[in-house]
N, C-alpha and C. Protein backbone atom coordinates (compact mmCIF):
# COMPACT_ATOMS: atom_id res chain seq x y z
N UNK A 1 -24.79 -10.73 1.33
CA UNK A 1 -23.18 -10.44 0.55
C UNK A 1 -22.28 -9.93 1.55
N UNK A 2 -20.72 -10.39 1.49
CA UNK A 2 -19.79 -10.32 2.48
C UNK A 2 -19.96 -8.52 3.01
N UNK A 3 -19.07 -8.44 4.53
CA UNK A 3 -18.99 -6.98 4.68
C UNK A 3 -18.04 -6.12 4.39
N UNK A 4 -16.88 -7.08 3.68
CA UNK A 4 -16.36 -6.25 2.51
C UNK A 4 -16.74 -4.92 1.89
N UNK A 5 -17.94 -6.40 1.12
CA UNK A 5 -18.63 -5.68 -0.04
C UNK A 5 -19.39 -4.62 0.33
N UNK A 6 -20.17 -4.66 1.53
CA UNK A 6 -21.10 -3.29 2.01
C UNK A 6 -20.38 -2.50 2.26
N UNK A 7 -19.40 -2.89 2.68
CA UNK A 7 -17.90 -1.49 2.94
C UNK A 7 -17.64 -0.83 1.43
N UNK A 8 -17.31 -1.81 0.55
CA UNK A 8 -17.38 -1.03 -0.23
C UNK A 8 -18.14 0.05 -1.09
N UNK A 9 -19.10 -0.92 -1.22
CA UNK A 9 -20.59 -0.26 -1.44
C UNK A 9 -20.52 1.36 -1.09
N UNK A 10 -21.08 1.09 -0.04
CA UNK A 10 -21.17 2.61 0.99
C UNK A 10 -20.06 3.31 0.87
N UNK A 11 -18.73 2.98 0.65
CA UNK A 11 -17.68 4.14 0.51
C UNK A 11 -17.71 4.71 -0.97
N UNK A 12 -18.31 3.41 -1.70
CA UNK A 12 -18.75 4.41 -3.28
C UNK A 12 -19.85 5.10 -3.36
N UNK A 13 -20.84 4.96 -2.53
CA UNK A 13 -21.96 5.40 -3.01
C UNK A 13 -21.89 7.04 -1.78
N UNK A 14 -20.82 6.88 -0.64
CA UNK A 14 -20.45 8.10 0.01
C UNK A 14 -19.20 8.58 -1.11
N UNK A 15 -19.13 8.21 -2.15
CA UNK A 15 -18.07 8.95 -3.11
C UNK A 15 -18.90 9.76 -3.58
N UNK A 16 -19.35 8.70 -4.70
CA UNK A 16 -20.74 9.53 -5.39
C UNK A 16 -21.31 10.77 -5.07
N UNK A 17 -22.01 10.87 -3.77
CA UNK A 17 -22.57 11.87 -3.17
C UNK A 17 -21.60 12.89 -3.11
N UNK A 18 -20.40 12.58 -2.77
CA UNK A 18 -19.41 13.89 -2.38
C UNK A 18 -19.01 13.95 -3.54
N UNK A 19 -19.06 13.81 -4.56
CA UNK A 19 -18.57 14.87 -5.89
C UNK A 19 -20.01 15.15 -6.01
N UNK A 20 -21.31 14.67 -6.11
CA UNK A 20 -22.46 15.36 -6.56
C UNK A 20 -22.29 16.69 -5.59
N UNK A 21 -21.80 16.68 -4.10
CA UNK A 21 -22.09 18.17 -3.60
C UNK A 21 -20.68 18.62 -4.41
N UNK A 22 -19.86 18.16 -4.60
CA UNK A 22 -18.69 19.19 -5.14
C UNK A 22 -19.54 20.32 -6.50
N UNK A 23 -19.65 19.17 -7.07
CA UNK A 23 -20.28 19.48 -8.49
C UNK A 23 -21.10 20.87 -8.14
N UNK A 24 -22.10 20.27 -7.54
CA UNK A 24 -23.45 21.89 -6.74
C UNK A 24 -22.56 22.93 -6.46
N UNK A 25 -21.61 23.00 -5.83
CA UNK A 25 -20.33 24.11 -5.22
C UNK A 25 -20.54 24.58 -6.16
N UNK A 26 -19.70 24.24 -7.68
CA UNK A 26 -18.92 24.97 -8.51
C UNK A 26 -20.70 25.57 -9.45
N UNK A 27 -21.24 24.60 -9.26
CA UNK A 27 -22.46 25.49 -10.38
C UNK A 27 -22.88 26.57 -9.75
N UNK A 28 -23.05 26.76 -8.18
CA UNK A 28 -23.20 27.72 -7.30
C UNK A 28 -22.31 28.86 -7.48
N UNK A 29 -21.11 28.78 -6.90
CA UNK A 29 -19.81 29.55 -6.70
C UNK A 29 -18.88 29.91 -8.41
N UNK A 30 -18.91 29.06 -9.00
CA UNK A 30 -17.75 29.55 -9.73
C UNK A 30 -18.60 30.35 -11.50
N UNK A 31 -18.16 30.86 -11.23
CA UNK A 31 -19.55 32.20 -12.49
C UNK A 31 -18.90 31.26 -13.88
N UNK A 32 -17.67 31.15 -14.29
CA UNK A 32 -17.18 30.49 -15.53
C UNK A 32 -17.11 28.93 -15.35
N UNK A 33 -17.31 28.14 -15.65
CA UNK A 33 -16.82 27.15 -14.88
C UNK A 33 -16.35 26.68 -16.04
N UNK A 34 -14.81 25.45 -15.74
CA UNK A 34 -14.38 25.63 -17.30
C UNK A 34 -14.01 23.76 -16.79
N UNK A 35 -13.63 23.30 -18.18
CA UNK A 35 -13.47 21.41 -17.41
C UNK A 35 -12.13 21.59 -16.19
N UNK A 36 -11.56 21.93 -16.13
CA UNK A 36 -10.21 22.27 -15.51
C UNK A 36 -11.03 22.62 -13.43
N UNK A 37 -11.65 23.88 -13.69
CA UNK A 37 -11.87 24.30 -12.51
C UNK A 37 -13.04 22.90 -12.23
N UNK A 38 -13.82 22.41 -12.71
CA UNK A 38 -14.58 21.44 -12.57
C UNK A 38 -13.89 20.36 -11.69
N UNK A 39 -12.93 19.94 -13.16
CA UNK A 39 -12.23 18.74 -12.38
C UNK A 39 -11.37 18.48 -11.12
N UNK A 40 -11.00 19.67 -10.70
CA UNK A 40 -10.23 20.17 -9.51
C UNK A 40 -11.38 20.39 -8.51
N UNK A 41 -12.37 20.95 -8.96
CA UNK A 41 -13.06 20.65 -7.66
C UNK A 41 -13.86 19.11 -6.90
N UNK A 42 -13.63 18.28 -7.93
CA UNK A 42 -14.49 16.93 -8.52
C UNK A 42 -14.03 16.40 -7.15
N UNK A 43 -12.28 16.68 -7.83
CA UNK A 43 -11.13 15.56 -6.96
C UNK A 43 -10.62 15.93 -5.66
N UNK A 44 -11.30 16.94 -5.03
CA UNK A 44 -10.71 17.86 -3.88
C UNK A 44 -12.37 17.00 -3.12
N UNK A 45 -13.53 17.20 -3.88
CA UNK A 45 -14.65 17.20 -2.89
C UNK A 45 -14.55 15.15 -2.50
N UNK A 46 -14.64 15.04 -3.27
CA UNK A 46 -14.31 13.63 -3.44
C UNK A 46 -13.45 13.04 -2.78
N UNK A 47 -12.39 13.02 -2.53
CA UNK A 47 -11.27 13.62 -1.36
C UNK A 47 -11.76 13.48 0.14
N UNK A 48 -12.15 14.62 0.39
CA UNK A 48 -12.79 15.64 1.14
C UNK A 48 -14.04 14.06 1.67
N UNK A 49 -14.80 13.84 0.50
CA UNK A 49 -16.13 12.62 0.88
C UNK A 49 -15.69 11.65 1.37
N UNK A 50 -14.57 11.46 1.34
CA UNK A 50 -13.99 10.15 1.30
C UNK A 50 -13.22 10.45 3.04
N UNK A 51 -12.50 11.03 3.23
CA UNK A 51 -11.98 11.20 4.13
C UNK A 51 -13.15 11.41 5.42
N UNK A 52 -13.91 11.95 5.02
CA UNK A 52 -15.21 12.23 6.15
C UNK A 52 -15.48 10.69 6.13
N UNK A 53 -16.27 9.88 5.63
CA UNK A 53 -16.66 8.51 5.05
C UNK A 53 -16.30 7.75 6.28
N UNK A 54 -14.64 7.59 6.08
CA UNK A 54 -13.62 6.81 6.87
C UNK A 54 -14.02 7.27 8.19
N UNK A 55 -14.46 8.87 8.61
CA UNK A 55 -14.03 9.99 9.69
C UNK A 55 -15.22 9.26 10.56
N UNK A 56 -16.43 9.00 9.86
CA UNK A 56 -17.56 8.72 10.34
C UNK A 56 -18.30 7.63 10.62
N UNK A 57 -17.06 6.13 9.45
CA UNK A 57 -18.09 5.40 9.24
C UNK A 57 -17.73 4.41 10.29
N UNK A 58 -17.51 4.30 11.72
CA UNK A 58 -17.52 3.66 12.78
C UNK A 58 -18.88 4.10 13.74
N UNK A 59 -19.12 5.49 13.48
CA UNK A 59 -20.40 6.49 15.15
C UNK A 59 -21.61 5.27 14.39
N UNK A 60 -22.44 5.08 15.58
CA UNK A 60 -23.45 3.73 15.84
C UNK A 60 -24.22 4.83 15.90
N UNK A 61 -24.43 6.19 16.74
CA UNK A 61 -25.14 7.05 17.30
C UNK A 61 -25.85 7.46 15.71
N UNK A 62 -25.35 7.32 14.89
CA UNK A 62 -25.64 8.31 13.67
C UNK A 62 -25.99 7.20 12.45
N UNK A 63 -27.80 7.49 12.00
CA UNK A 63 -28.08 6.88 11.23
C UNK A 63 -27.67 6.90 9.46
N UNK A 64 -27.36 5.91 9.09
CA UNK A 64 -26.56 5.63 8.04
C UNK A 64 -27.49 6.61 6.61
N UNK A 65 -28.57 7.72 6.64
CA UNK A 65 -28.92 9.08 5.83
C UNK A 65 -28.02 9.80 6.56
N UNK A 66 -27.98 9.77 7.57
CA UNK A 66 -27.60 11.38 7.82
C UNK A 66 -26.15 11.11 7.71
N UNK A 67 -25.40 9.86 7.57
CA UNK A 67 -24.23 9.64 7.59
C UNK A 67 -24.25 10.06 5.55
N UNK A 68 -24.49 9.89 4.94
CA UNK A 68 -24.80 10.23 4.14
C UNK A 68 -25.09 11.45 3.48
N UNK A 69 -25.88 12.69 4.55
CA UNK A 69 -25.85 13.59 4.05
C UNK A 69 -24.46 14.39 4.59
N UNK A 70 -24.22 14.39 5.69
CA UNK A 70 -22.66 14.65 6.48
C UNK A 70 -21.24 14.62 5.45
N UNK A 71 -21.46 13.28 4.63
CA UNK A 71 -21.09 12.82 3.21
C UNK A 71 -21.11 14.33 1.76
N UNK A 72 -22.05 14.15 1.86
CA UNK A 72 -22.49 14.96 0.58
C UNK A 72 -21.81 16.28 0.93
N UNK A 73 -22.64 16.66 1.62
CA UNK A 73 -22.61 18.19 2.99
C UNK A 73 -20.39 18.83 2.49
N UNK A 74 -19.91 17.39 2.66
CA UNK A 74 -18.28 17.58 3.11
C UNK A 74 -17.71 17.30 1.69
N UNK A 75 -18.34 16.76 0.54
CA UNK A 75 -17.99 16.95 -0.64
C UNK A 75 -18.26 18.57 -1.28
N UNK A 76 -19.71 18.87 -0.34
CA UNK A 76 -19.62 20.16 -0.89
C UNK A 76 -18.73 21.47 -0.04
N UNK A 77 -18.26 20.63 0.80
CA UNK A 77 -17.53 21.59 1.56
C UNK A 77 -16.54 21.90 1.30
N UNK A 78 -15.89 20.54 0.32
CA UNK A 78 -13.89 20.08 -0.02
C UNK A 78 -12.95 21.50 0.81
N UNK A 79 -12.87 22.69 0.24
CA UNK A 79 -11.39 22.55 1.04
C UNK A 79 -11.72 23.30 1.65
N UNK A 80 -13.02 24.21 2.60
CA UNK A 80 -13.01 24.87 3.59
C UNK A 80 -12.50 23.36 4.74
N UNK A 81 -13.58 22.62 4.84
CA UNK A 81 -13.30 21.49 6.10
C UNK A 81 -12.28 20.41 5.21
N UNK A 82 -11.43 20.59 4.43
CA UNK A 82 -10.44 19.73 4.81
C UNK A 82 -9.31 21.05 5.38
N UNK A 83 -8.94 22.45 5.08
CA UNK A 83 -8.84 23.52 5.70
C UNK A 83 -9.49 22.85 7.13
N UNK A 84 -9.82 22.58 7.68
CA UNK A 84 -10.56 22.55 9.46
C UNK A 84 -9.81 21.55 9.77
N UNK A 85 -10.17 20.20 8.80
CA UNK A 85 -9.67 18.92 9.31
C UNK A 85 -7.73 18.88 9.71
N UNK A 86 -7.48 19.43 8.61
CA UNK A 86 -5.92 19.28 8.72
C UNK A 86 -5.48 20.14 10.11
N UNK A 87 -6.07 21.47 10.89
CA UNK A 87 -6.14 22.24 11.88
C UNK A 87 -6.18 21.51 12.70
N UNK A 88 -7.54 20.82 13.22
CA UNK A 88 -7.49 19.26 14.20
C UNK A 88 -7.04 18.38 13.90
N UNK A 89 -6.32 17.91 13.50
CA UNK A 89 -5.68 16.93 13.37
C UNK A 89 -4.36 17.91 13.48
N UNK A 90 -3.32 18.39 13.53
CA UNK A 90 -2.24 19.11 13.47
C UNK A 90 -2.53 19.24 15.08
N UNK A 91 -3.57 20.13 15.40
CA UNK A 91 -3.34 20.40 17.27
C UNK A 91 -3.51 18.67 17.70
N UNK A 92 -4.65 17.48 17.40
CA UNK A 92 -4.25 16.35 18.14
C UNK A 92 -2.92 16.20 18.10
N UNK A 93 -1.95 15.98 16.91
CA UNK A 93 -0.72 15.58 17.36
C UNK A 93 -0.22 15.77 17.56
N UNK A 94 -0.03 16.90 17.85
CA UNK A 94 1.02 18.22 18.29
C UNK A 94 0.82 17.79 20.36
N UNK A 95 -0.84 17.39 20.47
CA UNK A 95 -0.94 16.97 22.14
C UNK A 95 -0.38 15.95 22.62
N UNK A 96 -0.49 14.82 21.28
CA UNK A 96 0.30 13.79 21.26
C UNK A 96 1.54 13.27 21.84
N UNK A 97 2.50 14.30 21.04
CA UNK A 97 3.61 14.15 20.64
C UNK A 97 4.46 15.06 22.35
N UNK A 98 3.43 15.93 22.71
CA UNK A 98 4.02 16.49 23.89
C UNK A 98 3.86 16.17 24.91
N UNK A 99 2.90 15.09 25.16
CA UNK A 99 2.44 14.41 26.24
C UNK A 99 3.59 13.05 27.36
């Protein structure tokens, strides 16, 4: 199996885990889930999971199992994690621009 195929399979498995995390969040937090609410949460969770995947993809001291856990929790955390990552990214970029 090529490295590209392995990376694609890891990304796909991360996406699936993050979508499951988002679905669990919907089922736990939303009183009357509608198709629209579920779809919205799944899109946010999927995007968040992919971002988390790329954030930790090359970290070598984290096991693959723990990476899957982090990605799943990223999907579950969805909007809150996106907001946090946005703040960190903006502060980092502002710090680079000021130099």
